[in-house]
Amino acid sequence: MAGRGSLRGPTTAGFTPRVGSNRYPLRMTTPPTSDVGLIGLAVMGQNLALNMADHGFKVSVYNRTATTMAEFVAAHPPGSFGALGGALTGQASLVDFVNSIRRPRKIVIMVKAGGPTDAVIDSLIPLLSSGDIIIDGGNAHWEDTIRRERALKSKGLRFVGSGVSGGEEGARFGPSLMPGGDRESWEEIRPVWTAIAAKVDPATGRPLEGAAPGKPIVAPDADTCAAYIGPDGAGHYVKMVHNGIEYGDMQMICEGYHLLRDILGLSAMQMSEIFATWNRGPLDSFLIQITAEVLRQKDPTTGKPFVDIVLDAAGQKGTGKWTSTSALDMGVPAATIAEAVFARNMSAAKEERVAASKILKGPGTFALKEEAERQKFVQAVEQALYCSKICSYAQGFQLMAAAGRQYNWTFDNGSIAMIWRGGCIIRARFLQKIKEAYDKNPTLANLLLDPFFAETLHRGQAQWRWVIATAAQAGIPVPTLSSALAYFDSYRTGNLPANLLQAQRDYFGAHTYERVDQPRGKFFHLDWQDPKRPERMA
């Protein structure tokens, strides 16, 4: 046994281990039979354990509340996982749980990020042997993952921080998995991670569907939505950016809905049909699909459209904010993702907005009445969504590139796009085009420069601009659609007005400036207080 101390000291708030290294020494039990262990049996943990068992793995499970574990295992007895021979084994004590897993042990933690994760790790350290692997499948901050990986390595243990995307259904039948850690650890967990991940058709990029309890998708020729991301915190960083892009996608869709609802006056059912149509085209994605389903849903209590009885005040769990903060820290323009976060912040101020609506007035009623123009506007909103989506993803990949430089990670952008094609919330048809773009040019400076995406933006920009201009005329906020257009226009502009900004900064703060007639990296300062300086231009 390793005989190691705590990862972060004696405090283990949020988790009470049943055993410890000194007071409760390990005892010999029956020989280990499980391939992998999992701690934390909330919905995500349960579904991930069932997914592993469906694929033929013997899984030991442990939960702080033993009754939860016992009920879970009893509900899924031996023989309920199909022909591949998987099974669940519940352990009431942590020592028995650890002893039941074959070495090198692979233990997945599915508990709340932060202190609870550290507490579980602390409780495991004295019980593990050199070379054992702890896998954190929660939404951890990447710097916490870097810290944990470094601390455990010093104790002879291995740590993998793995993004797990796809929600409850993804965890059960095939998530997108983004593991970060040393490559040797990845090779150890690869058989499990590639088996349980979502599968996609390699030619079309479309997810393979039809998995059911005890009947997983087994397709040896399919692409699997799990791939090694990079060292230490790389996997959790990429998962964070995924979530930031998800924020942007969802807000863009909400803005499209707002335009159709308030400018065209469409009903929820009419909008459902439009989104369903869009889902058969370039916008084909999980989020567009579920939007059509949400808009079709009736409220069981009132019979009204369900969307109309939901309060317009959104929450968040923090990963979108992390993405925006990281972009600010690294100097990467990712305004579309940030605007999506701010839109949620604004929505949360419901009472204040209601009060303001009685005082502040907009441009008045605005509507498109001619049927031909209305049809064109629907098509234009589709183009605005698609063009904005491209810009949002471009920002996300630029952010990952900057993080790679800062943390010495080398990302395979084509591989990242590949594993996002299935299982995760942002899965979409056009990710196949992103994969193809980076496969053709791994050093592509920006996604917007790929010929396919450049042509798409050129073809759609007139409709995109019309939508945003119409939104401004109607007084409808479209922060992500408009910020994405600003990103496109800024990136394609060779001469931005920052020359004036730099002159201002030099005037009031002596911050210096570069000159257009001198090499880059050479800085100058004008002594604005010098009485002999040349007079300003007449």
Protein backbone atom coordinates (compact mmCIF):
# COMPACT_ATOMS: atom_id res chain seq x y z
CA MET A 1 0.00 0.00 0.00
CA ALA A 2 1.16 3.48 -0.76
CA GLY A 3 0.74 4.91 2.74
CA ARG A 4 0.28 8.46 1.46
CA GLY A 5 -1.09 11.52 3.25
CA SER A 6 -3.86 13.92 2.27
CA LEU A 7 -3.91 15.78 -1.01
CA ARG A 8 -4.71 19.10 0.66
CA GLY A 9 -4.45 18.60 4.41
CA PRO A 10 -6.83 17.24 7.05
CA THR A 11 -9.98 19.05 5.88
CA THR A 12 -12.31 16.81 3.88
CA ALA A 13 -15.55 18.76 4.02
CA GLY A 14 -18.35 17.32 1.93
CA PHE A 15 -17.28 13.65 2.15
CA THR A 16 -16.90 11.37 5.15
CA PRO A 17 -14.76 8.33 4.38
CA ARG A 18 -15.57 5.11 6.14
CA VAL A 19 -11.94 4.12 6.47
CA GLY A 20 -8.56 5.81 6.91
CA SER A 21 -4.94 4.79 6.53
CA ASN A 22 -4.09 4.52 10.24
CA ARG A 23 -7.26 3.76 12.18
CA TYR A 24 -8.75 1.43 9.57
CA PRO A 25 -5.95 -0.54 7.90
CA LEU A 26 -6.82 -2.40 4.72
CA ARG A 27 -7.85 -5.98 5.18
CA MET A 28 -7.61 -8.82 2.70
CA THR A 29 -10.87 -9.70 0.98
CA THR A 30 -11.81 -11.86 -1.98
CA PRO A 31 -9.64 -11.41 -5.08
CA PRO A 32 -10.50 -8.26 -7.08
CA THR A 33 -12.84 -8.87 -10.01
CA SER A 34 -13.92 -5.43 -11.21
CA ASP A 35 -12.43 -3.67 -14.23
CA VAL A 36 -13.26 -0.19 -12.99
CA GLY A 37 -14.74 1.58 -9.97
CA LEU A 38 -17.09 4.54 -9.75
CA ILE A 39 -17.79 6.84 -6.80
CA GLY A 40 -20.86 9.07 -6.75
CA LEU A 41 -24.26 7.70 -7.68
CA ALA A 42 -26.23 10.78 -8.60
CA VAL A 43 -27.90 10.58 -12.01
CA MET A 44 -24.73 11.11 -14.07
CA GLY A 45 -22.75 8.60 -12.03
CA GLN A 46 -25.46 5.95 -12.21
CA ASN A 47 -25.86 6.32 -15.96
CA LEU A 48 -22.11 6.17 -16.59
CA ALA A 49 -21.86 2.99 -14.49
CA LEU A 50 -24.74 1.41 -16.44
CA ASN A 51 -23.09 2.41 -19.71
CA MET A 52 -19.85 0.70 -18.69
CA ALA A 53 -21.70 -2.44 -17.61
CA ASP A 54 -23.62 -2.52 -20.89
CA HIS A 55 -20.27 -2.65 -22.68
CA GLY A 56 -19.13 -5.71 -20.78
CA PHE A 57 -17.17 -4.12 -17.92
CA LYS A 58 -17.49 -5.26 -14.33
CA VAL A 59 -18.02 -2.09 -12.31
CA SER A 60 -17.67 -1.60 -8.56
CA VAL A 61 -19.78 1.28 -7.28
CA TYR A 62 -19.63 3.24 -4.05
CA ASN A 63 -21.74 6.07 -2.67
CA ARG A 64 -21.49 8.06 0.53
CA THR A 65 -25.10 7.08 1.28
CA ALA A 66 -24.94 3.29 1.29
CA THR A 67 -28.70 2.86 0.78
CA THR A 68 -28.46 4.69 -2.55
CA MET A 69 -25.79 2.25 -3.66
CA ALA A 70 -27.74 -0.80 -2.44
CA GLU A 71 -30.95 0.26 -4.18
CA PHE A 72 -29.09 1.03 -7.41
CA VAL A 73 -27.34 -2.35 -7.53
CA ALA A 74 -30.52 -4.22 -6.59
CA ALA A 75 -32.36 -2.55 -9.45
CA HIS A 76 -29.74 -3.84 -11.92
CA PRO A 77 -28.97 -7.47 -11.01
CA PRO A 78 -26.57 -9.77 -12.85
CA GLY A 79 -27.83 -10.70 -16.28
CA SER A 80 -29.47 -7.32 -16.97
CA PHE A 81 -26.65 -6.03 -19.16
CA GLY A 82 -26.99 -8.11 -22.29
CA ALA A 83 -24.60 -10.53 -23.89
CA LEU A 84 -21.31 -8.75 -23.20
CA GLY A 85 -21.11 -9.94 -19.59
CA GLY A 86 -20.99 -6.66 -17.70
CA ALA A 87 -22.09 -6.36 -14.08
CA LEU A 88 -22.40 -4.02 -11.11
CA THR A 89 -20.99 -4.74 -7.67
CA GLY A 90 -21.83 -2.51 -4.72
CA GLN A 91 -19.46 -1.98 -1.81
CA ALA A 92 -20.61 -0.50 1.50
CA SER A 93 -17.10 0.46 2.65
CA LEU A 94 -14.44 2.35 0.76
CA VAL A 95 -11.77 -0.22 1.66
CA ASP A 96 -13.83 -3.05 0.15
CA PHE A 97 -14.58 -0.89 -2.86
CA VAL A 98 -10.87 -0.27 -3.52
CA ASN A 99 -9.96 -3.93 -2.91
CA SER A 100 -12.59 -5.11 -5.40
CA ILE A 101 -10.88 -3.42 -8.38
CA ARG A 102 -8.10 -5.02 -10.39
CA ARG A 103 -4.77 -3.20 -10.53
CA PRO A 104 -3.81 -0.77 -11.80
CA ARG A 105 -7.08 0.45 -10.37
CA LYS A 106 -9.20 2.82 -12.46
CA ILE A 107 -11.58 4.79 -10.23
CA VAL A 108 -14.00 7.32 -11.70
CA ILE A 109 -15.20 10.15 -9.43
CA MET A 110 -18.61 11.62 -10.30
CA VAL A 111 -19.21 14.07 -7.44
CA LYS A 112 -19.64 17.82 -7.17
CA ALA A 113 -16.62 19.83 -8.34
CA GLY A 114 -14.40 21.65 -5.86
CA GLY A 115 -14.16 20.66 -2.21
CA PRO A 116 -16.18 17.43 -2.49
CA THR A 117 -13.86 16.16 -5.23
CA ASP A 118 -10.78 16.95 -3.12
CA ALA A 119 -12.40 15.19 -0.16
CA VAL A 120 -13.00 12.00 -2.14
CA ILE A 121 -9.43 12.06 -3.47
CA ASP A 122 -8.10 12.55 0.07
CA SER A 123 -10.06 9.53 1.26
CA LEU A 124 -8.71 7.37 -1.55
CA ILE A 125 -5.01 8.29 -1.33
CA PRO A 126 -4.13 6.06 1.68
CA LEU A 127 -5.92 3.09 0.12
CA LEU A 128 -4.34 3.07 -3.34
CA SER A 129 -1.21 1.50 -4.74
CA SER A 130 1.46 2.98 -6.94
CA GLY A 131 0.24 3.42 -10.51
CA ASP A 132 -3.48 3.45 -9.69
CA ILE A 133 -5.54 5.99 -11.63
CA ILE A 134 -8.16 8.42 -10.34
CA ILE A 135 -10.42 9.86 -13.05
CA ASP A 136 -12.38 13.03 -12.30
CA GLY A 137 -15.44 13.14 -14.57
CA GLY A 138 -16.93 16.31 -13.10
CA ASN A 139 -16.90 19.88 -14.41
CA ALA A 140 -13.67 20.76 -12.62
CA HIS A 141 -11.74 23.97 -13.15
CA TRP A 142 -8.69 23.08 -15.22
CA GLU A 143 -6.28 24.66 -12.74
CA ASP A 144 -7.68 22.42 -9.99
CA THR A 145 -6.98 19.48 -12.29
CA ILE A 146 -3.40 20.66 -12.85
CA ARG A 147 -2.92 20.93 -9.07
CA ARG A 148 -4.42 17.51 -8.39
CA GLU A 149 -2.46 15.77 -11.12
CA ARG A 150 0.81 17.27 -9.85
CA ALA A 151 0.07 16.37 -6.21
CA LEU A 152 -0.93 12.79 -6.97
CA LYS A 153 2.06 12.24 -9.26
CA SER A 154 4.32 13.12 -6.33
CA LYS A 155 2.64 10.30 -4.40
CA GLY A 156 3.10 7.75 -7.16
CA LEU A 157 -0.53 7.91 -8.25
CA ARG A 158 -2.01 8.94 -11.58
CA PHE A 159 -4.81 11.41 -12.25
CA VAL A 160 -6.99 12.00 -15.30
CA GLY A 161 -9.29 14.99 -15.58
CA SER A 162 -11.89 14.03 -18.16
CA GLY A 163 -14.63 16.15 -19.59
CA VAL A 164 -17.90 14.20 -19.83
CA SER A 165 -20.52 15.83 -22.04
CA GLY A 166 -23.97 14.80 -23.07
CA GLY A 167 -26.06 15.07 -19.94
CA GLU A 168 -27.97 12.13 -18.53
CA GLU A 169 -28.72 10.50 -21.88
CA GLY A 170 -25.13 10.87 -23.06
CA ALA A 171 -23.74 9.32 -19.90
CA ARG A 172 -26.15 6.39 -20.29
CA PHE A 173 -25.77 5.62 -23.98
CA GLY A 174 -22.66 7.40 -25.21
CA PRO A 175 -21.09 10.69 -24.07
CA SER A 176 -18.35 12.78 -25.61
CA LEU A 177 -15.23 12.21 -23.49
CA MET A 178 -12.27 14.61 -23.22
CA PRO A 179 -9.53 13.07 -21.04
CA GLY A 180 -6.43 14.95 -19.95
CA GLY A 181 -3.43 13.52 -18.09
CA ASP A 182 -0.28 11.63 -18.98
CA ARG A 183 -0.50 9.53 -22.12
CA GLU A 184 0.23 6.30 -20.28
CA SER A 185 -2.85 6.82 -18.13
CA TRP A 186 -4.89 7.40 -21.28
CA GLU A 187 -3.69 4.09 -22.69
CA GLU A 188 -4.86 2.36 -19.50
CA ILE A 189 -8.38 3.85 -19.62
CA ARG A 190 -8.68 3.86 -23.42
CA PRO A 191 -10.53 0.49 -23.65
CA VAL A 192 -13.23 1.75 -21.28
CA TRP A 193 -13.49 5.31 -22.62
CA THR A 194 -13.59 4.39 -26.30
CA ALA A 195 -16.16 1.64 -25.64
CA ILE A 196 -18.65 3.79 -23.75
CA ALA A 197 -18.32 6.97 -25.83
CA ALA A 198 -20.78 7.97 -28.54
CA LYS A 199 -20.14 6.61 -32.04
CA VAL A 200 -20.45 8.48 -35.33
CA ASP A 201 -20.38 7.58 -38.99
CA PRO A 202 -16.83 8.48 -40.15
CA ALA A 203 -18.04 9.64 -43.57
CA THR A 204 -20.99 11.82 -42.60
CA GLY A 205 -20.17 12.63 -38.98
CA ARG A 206 -23.73 11.77 -37.96
CA PRO A 207 -24.17 10.04 -34.58
CA LEU A 208 -25.13 6.37 -34.62
CA GLU A 209 -28.38 6.02 -32.72
CA GLY A 210 -30.45 3.18 -31.32
CA ALA A 211 -28.64 2.24 -28.11
CA ALA A 212 -30.88 0.80 -25.40
CA PRO A 213 -30.35 -0.72 -21.93
CA GLY A 214 -28.35 -3.91 -22.38
CA LYS A 215 -27.99 -3.21 -26.11
CA PRO A 216 -25.09 -0.81 -26.68
CA ILE A 217 -23.94 0.28 -30.11
CA VAL A 218 -21.06 -1.94 -31.15
CA ALA A 219 -19.62 -0.59 -34.41
CA PRO A 220 -15.89 -1.32 -34.84
CA ASP A 221 -15.67 0.80 -38.00
CA ALA A 222 -17.31 3.87 -36.46
CA ASP A 223 -15.47 6.87 -35.06
CA THR A 224 -15.61 7.01 -31.28
CA CYS A 225 -16.19 10.33 -29.49
CA ALA A 226 -13.30 9.93 -27.07
CA ALA A 227 -9.72 10.98 -27.70
CA TYR A 228 -6.66 11.95 -25.71
CA ILE A 229 -6.63 15.75 -25.34
CA GLY A 230 -3.31 16.48 -23.62
CA PRO A 231 -1.47 16.68 -20.29
CA ASP A 232 -2.86 17.56 -16.84
CA GLY A 233 -5.76 20.05 -17.18
CA ALA A 234 -6.10 19.96 -20.98
CA GLY A 235 -9.18 17.74 -20.98
CA HIS A 236 -11.10 19.87 -18.51
CA TYR A 237 -10.06 23.05 -20.32
CA VAL A 238 -11.46 21.74 -23.61
CA LYS A 239 -14.65 20.67 -21.81
CA MET A 240 -14.94 24.20 -20.41
CA VAL A 241 -14.61 25.71 -23.89
CA HIS A 242 -17.20 23.21 -25.13
CA ASN A 243 -19.57 24.54 -22.46
CA GLY A 244 -18.79 28.14 -23.42
CA ILE A 245 -19.64 27.37 -27.04
CA GLU A 246 -22.81 25.69 -25.77
CA TYR A 247 -23.77 28.94 -24.01
CA GLY A 248 -23.32 30.78 -27.31
CA ASP A 249 -25.30 28.23 -29.32
CA MET A 250 -28.24 28.32 -26.91
CA GLN A 251 -28.37 32.11 -26.75
CA MET A 252 -28.23 32.42 -30.56
CA ILE A 253 -31.17 30.05 -30.85
CA CYS A 254 -33.06 32.09 -28.25
CA GLU A 255 -32.41 35.25 -30.25
CA GLY A 256 -33.69 33.57 -33.41
CA TYR A 257 -36.81 32.51 -31.51
CA HIS A 258 -37.25 36.07 -30.21
CA LEU A 259 -37.09 37.48 -33.76
CA LEU A 260 -39.60 34.98 -35.14
CA ARG A 261 -41.93 35.50 -32.20
CA ASP A 262 -41.91 39.30 -31.99
CA ILE A 263 -41.25 40.46 -35.56
CA LEU A 264 -43.26 37.82 -37.39
CA GLY A 265 -45.72 37.11 -34.57
CA LEU A 266 -45.45 33.35 -35.05
CA SER A 267 -46.98 30.84 -32.65
CA ALA A 268 -44.89 28.27 -30.79
CA MET A 269 -46.18 25.52 -33.10
CA GLN A 270 -45.29 27.51 -36.22
CA MET A 271 -41.80 28.13 -34.86
CA SER A 272 -41.47 24.45 -34.00
CA GLU A 273 -42.07 23.60 -37.66
CA ILE A 274 -39.44 26.16 -38.74
CA PHE A 275 -36.82 24.77 -36.36
CA ALA A 276 -37.63 21.23 -37.47
CA THR A 277 -37.06 22.33 -41.08
CA TRP A 278 -33.78 23.98 -40.16
CA ASN A 279 -32.71 20.74 -38.49
CA ARG A 280 -32.80 19.06 -41.90
CA GLY A 281 -30.28 21.57 -43.28
CA PRO A 282 -26.87 23.00 -42.31
CA LEU A 283 -28.10 23.79 -38.78
CA ASP A 284 -28.79 20.10 -38.11
CA SER A 285 -27.85 19.71 -34.43
CA PHE A 286 -29.03 18.43 -31.08
CA LEU A 287 -29.92 21.92 -29.84
CA ILE A 288 -31.98 22.82 -32.92
CA GLN A 289 -33.73 19.44 -32.67
CA ILE A 290 -34.70 19.85 -29.03
CA THR A 291 -35.77 23.46 -29.66
CA ALA A 292 -38.33 22.17 -32.15
CA GLU A 293 -39.53 19.65 -29.57
CA VAL A 294 -39.70 22.23 -26.76
CA LEU A 295 -41.75 24.60 -28.92
CA ARG A 296 -44.17 21.77 -29.75
CA GLN A 297 -44.71 20.83 -26.09
CA LYS A 298 -47.97 21.73 -24.32
CA ASP A 299 -48.03 22.63 -20.63
CA PRO A 300 -49.79 19.73 -18.80
CA THR A 301 -51.48 22.12 -16.38
CA THR A 302 -52.84 24.88 -18.62
CA GLY A 303 -52.70 23.39 -22.11
CA LYS A 304 -50.80 26.46 -23.28
CA PRO A 305 -47.49 26.16 -25.15
CA PHE A 306 -45.00 25.03 -22.53
CA VAL A 307 -42.45 27.69 -23.53
CA ASP A 308 -45.00 30.42 -22.75
CA ILE A 309 -45.37 29.44 -19.11
CA VAL A 310 -41.61 29.21 -18.41
CA LEU A 311 -40.21 32.30 -16.66
CA ASP A 312 -37.58 34.17 -18.70
CA ALA A 313 -34.86 34.10 -16.00
CA ALA A 314 -31.93 31.79 -16.79
CA GLY A 315 -29.38 30.21 -14.48
CA GLN A 316 -25.84 29.00 -15.03
CA LYS A 317 -23.28 26.74 -13.40
CA GLY A 318 -20.16 28.79 -14.09
CA THR A 319 -18.33 27.16 -17.00
CA GLY A 320 -19.46 29.87 -19.43
CA LYS A 321 -18.10 32.47 -17.04
CA TRP A 322 -14.83 30.53 -16.74
CA THR A 323 -14.53 30.52 -20.52
CA SER A 324 -15.06 34.27 -20.73
CA THR A 325 -12.65 34.97 -17.87
CA SER A 326 -10.01 32.79 -19.49
CA ALA A 327 -10.46 34.62 -22.80
CA LEU A 328 -10.00 37.97 -21.03
CA ASP A 329 -6.93 36.70 -19.17
CA MET A 330 -5.34 35.47 -22.41
CA GLY A 331 -6.34 38.43 -24.55
CA VAL A 332 -8.44 36.34 -26.93
CA PRO A 333 -11.52 38.02 -28.48
CA ALA A 334 -14.37 35.67 -27.55
CA ALA A 335 -17.13 38.25 -27.25
CA THR A 336 -19.90 35.99 -28.55
CA ILE A 337 -19.43 33.53 -25.69
CA ALA A 338 -19.17 36.40 -23.19
CA GLU A 339 -22.34 38.00 -24.54
CA ALA A 340 -24.16 34.70 -24.02
CA VAL A 341 -23.09 34.75 -20.36
CA PHE A 342 -24.14 38.38 -19.98
CA ALA A 343 -27.50 37.60 -21.60
CA ARG A 344 -28.17 35.07 -18.83
CA ASN A 345 -27.11 37.66 -16.25
CA MET A 346 -29.54 40.17 -17.77
CA SER A 347 -32.35 37.61 -17.83
CA ALA A 348 -31.85 36.92 -14.13
CA ALA A 349 -32.72 40.57 -13.32
CA LYS A 350 -36.39 39.83 -14.06
CA GLU A 351 -38.05 42.19 -11.59
CA GLU A 352 -35.73 45.05 -12.49
CA ARG A 353 -36.43 44.54 -16.20
CA VAL A 354 -40.17 44.52 -15.65
CA ALA A 355 -39.92 47.81 -13.77
CA ALA A 356 -37.67 49.31 -16.47
CA SER A 357 -40.09 48.25 -19.21
CA LYS A 358 -42.65 50.65 -17.75
CA ILE A 359 -40.25 53.59 -18.00
CA LEU A 360 -37.92 52.99 -20.96
CA LYS A 361 -39.49 52.98 -24.41
CA GLY A 362 -38.20 51.44 -27.62
CA PRO A 363 -38.94 52.22 -31.27
CA GLY A 364 -42.55 51.07 -31.13
CA THR A 365 -44.34 48.30 -32.97
CA PHE A 366 -42.42 46.82 -35.87
CA ALA A 367 -43.58 43.97 -38.08
CA LEU A 368 -42.98 42.49 -41.52
CA LYS A 369 -46.39 42.09 -43.14
CA GLU A 370 -45.78 41.04 -46.76
CA GLU A 371 -45.78 37.23 -46.98
CA ALA A 372 -42.86 37.10 -49.40
CA GLU A 373 -40.78 39.32 -47.12
CA ARG A 374 -41.74 37.24 -44.09
CA GLN A 375 -40.57 34.06 -45.80
CA LYS A 376 -37.30 35.75 -46.75
CA PHE A 377 -36.83 36.84 -43.14
CA VAL A 378 -37.20 33.26 -41.88
CA GLN A 379 -34.49 32.19 -44.32
CA ALA A 380 -32.33 35.13 -43.27
CA VAL A 381 -32.59 34.18 -39.59
CA GLU A 382 -31.39 30.69 -40.50
CA GLN A 383 -28.35 32.21 -42.25
CA ALA A 384 -27.69 34.57 -39.34
CA LEU A 385 -27.70 31.63 -36.93
CA TYR A 386 -25.34 29.61 -39.13
CA CYS A 387 -22.87 32.45 -39.75
CA SER A 388 -22.86 33.43 -36.07
CA LYS A 389 -22.31 29.81 -35.07
CA ILE A 390 -19.22 29.63 -37.27
CA CYS A 391 -17.79 32.76 -35.63
CA SER A 392 -18.54 31.47 -32.13
CA TYR A 393 -16.73 28.18 -32.78
CA ALA A 394 -13.84 30.09 -34.34
CA GLN A 395 -13.52 32.04 -31.08
CA GLY A 396 -13.56 28.82 -29.06
CA PHE A 397 -10.79 27.23 -31.11
CA GLN A 398 -8.73 30.45 -30.93
CA LEU A 399 -9.07 30.33 -27.14
CA MET A 400 -7.89 26.72 -27.01
CA ALA A 401 -4.89 27.66 -29.18
CA ALA A 402 -3.94 30.42 -26.74
CA ALA A 403 -4.32 28.06 -23.77
CA GLY A 404 -2.13 25.54 -25.56
CA ARG A 405 0.63 28.12 -25.84
CA GLN A 406 0.30 29.15 -22.19
CA TYR A 407 0.13 25.65 -20.68
CA ASN A 408 2.30 23.84 -23.21
CA TRP A 409 -0.55 21.75 -24.56
CA THR A 410 -0.65 20.64 -28.20
CA PHE A 411 -4.25 20.29 -29.30
CA ASP A 412 -5.38 18.25 -32.28
CA ASN A 413 -8.26 20.48 -33.41
CA GLY A 414 -9.55 17.94 -35.90
CA SER A 415 -9.71 15.32 -33.16
CA ILE A 416 -11.55 17.72 -30.83
CA ALA A 417 -14.12 18.51 -33.52
CA MET A 418 -14.45 14.77 -34.14
CA ILE A 419 -15.32 13.89 -30.55
CA TRP A 420 -17.87 16.73 -30.42
CA ARG A 421 -19.83 15.25 -33.33
CA GLY A 422 -21.72 12.85 -31.08
CA GLY A 423 -22.72 12.45 -27.46
CA CYS A 424 -22.30 16.06 -26.40
CA ILE A 425 -24.75 18.96 -26.20
CA ILE A 426 -23.20 20.88 -29.11
CA ARG A 427 -23.17 17.91 -31.46
CA ALA A 428 -23.97 19.20 -34.93
CA ARG A 429 -23.58 18.34 -38.59
CA PHE A 430 -21.21 21.20 -39.28
CA LEU A 431 -18.60 19.83 -36.85
CA GLN A 432 -17.76 17.41 -39.66
CA LYS A 433 -16.73 20.46 -41.71
CA ILE A 434 -14.56 21.72 -38.84
CA LYS A 435 -12.86 18.33 -38.64
CA GLU A 436 -12.26 18.38 -42.40
CA ALA A 437 -10.90 21.94 -42.22
CA TYR A 438 -8.28 21.05 -39.60
CA ASP A 439 -7.50 17.71 -41.22
CA LYS A 440 -6.64 19.59 -44.43
CA ASN A 441 -4.70 22.31 -42.62
CA PRO A 442 -3.67 21.48 -39.02
CA THR A 443 -2.00 24.90 -38.68
CA LEU A 444 -5.08 26.85 -39.82
CA ALA A 445 -4.79 30.23 -38.10
CA ASN A 446 -8.54 30.78 -37.77
CA LEU A 447 -11.54 28.72 -38.75
CA LEU A 448 -12.89 31.67 -40.74
CA LEU A 449 -9.96 31.30 -43.17
CA ASP A 450 -10.95 27.80 -44.25
CA PRO A 451 -12.33 28.01 -47.83
CA PHE A 452 -15.62 26.30 -46.94
CA PHE A 453 -16.37 28.58 -43.99
CA ALA A 454 -15.13 31.72 -45.74
CA GLU A 455 -17.47 31.02 -48.66
CA THR A 456 -20.34 30.26 -46.27
CA LEU A 457 -19.87 33.61 -44.54
CA HIS A 458 -19.56 35.49 -47.84
CA ARG A 459 -22.75 33.88 -49.11
CA GLY A 460 -24.76 34.47 -45.94
CA GLN A 461 -23.59 37.86 -44.75
CA ALA A 462 -26.18 39.98 -46.58
CA GLN A 463 -29.03 38.10 -44.86
CA TRP A 464 -27.10 38.13 -41.57
CA ARG A 465 -26.76 41.91 -41.74
CA TRP A 466 -30.43 42.34 -42.65
CA VAL A 467 -31.49 40.34 -39.60
CA ILE A 468 -29.37 42.41 -37.22
CA ALA A 469 -30.47 45.71 -38.81
CA THR A 470 -34.10 44.62 -38.54
CA ALA A 471 -33.59 43.61 -34.92
CA ALA A 472 -32.17 47.08 -34.18
CA GLN A 473 -35.14 48.74 -35.90
CA ALA A 474 -37.54 46.60 -33.89
CA GLY A 475 -35.71 47.12 -30.60
CA ILE A 476 -35.03 43.41 -30.11
CA PRO A 477 -31.72 42.55 -28.41
CA VAL A 478 -29.52 40.12 -30.35
CA PRO A 479 -26.23 40.29 -28.41
CA THR A 480 -24.67 37.06 -29.71
CA LEU A 481 -25.77 37.44 -33.34
CA SER A 482 -24.52 41.03 -33.47
CA SER A 483 -21.26 40.35 -31.60
CA ALA A 484 -20.52 37.46 -33.98
CA LEU A 485 -20.97 39.83 -36.93
CA ALA A 486 -18.71 42.37 -35.23
CA TYR A 487 -16.10 39.62 -34.83
CA PHE A 488 -16.33 38.77 -38.53
CA ASP A 489 -16.08 42.42 -39.55
CA SER A 490 -13.21 43.11 -37.15
CA TYR A 491 -11.24 40.05 -38.22
CA ARG A 492 -11.57 40.88 -41.92
CA THR A 493 -10.60 44.56 -41.42
CA GLY A 494 -6.95 45.35 -42.12
CA ASN A 495 -7.06 48.81 -40.56
CA LEU A 496 -9.01 49.08 -37.29
CA PRO A 497 -9.30 52.37 -35.36
CA ALA A 498 -6.95 51.18 -32.59
CA ASN A 499 -4.35 53.65 -33.96
CA LEU A 500 -6.40 56.45 -32.41
CA LEU A 501 -6.79 54.43 -29.21
CA GLN A 502 -3.01 53.98 -28.96
CA ALA A 503 -2.47 57.71 -29.54
CA GLN A 504 -4.94 58.46 -26.74
CA ARG A 505 -3.17 56.04 -24.39
CA ASP A 506 0.18 57.59 -25.20
CA TYR A 507 -1.25 61.06 -24.52
CA PHE A 508 -2.67 60.42 -21.06
CA GLY A 509 -0.46 57.59 -19.82
CA ALA A 510 2.74 57.50 -21.89
CA HIS A 511 1.84 53.92 -22.88
CA THR A 512 3.83 54.21 -26.15
CA TYR A 513 2.82 53.24 -29.66
CA GLU A 514 4.17 51.47 -32.74
CA ARG A 515 4.56 53.24 -36.09
CA VAL A 516 3.34 52.13 -39.51
CA ASP A 517 6.72 53.10 -41.00
CA GLN A 518 8.81 51.11 -38.50
CA PRO A 519 9.20 47.37 -37.76
CA ARG A 520 6.71 45.70 -35.39
CA GLY A 521 7.91 45.52 -31.80
CA LYS A 522 9.63 48.92 -31.84
CA PHE A 523 7.83 51.40 -29.54
CA PHE A 524 7.78 55.18 -29.42
CA HIS A 525 6.48 57.95 -27.19
CA LEU A 526 5.56 61.50 -28.09
CA ASP A 527 6.26 64.08 -25.41
CA TRP A 528 2.86 65.72 -25.39
CA GLN A 529 3.97 68.39 -22.90
CA ASP A 530 7.01 69.51 -24.89
CA PRO A 531 6.39 73.14 -25.85
CA LYS A 532 8.59 72.65 -28.92
CA ARG A 533 6.60 69.72 -30.32
CA PRO A 534 5.14 70.35 -33.78
CA GLU A 535 1.80 72.10 -33.81
CA ARG A 536 -1.22 69.97 -34.43
CA MET A 537 -2.27 69.70 -38.05
CA ALA A 538 -4.22 72.67 -39.36
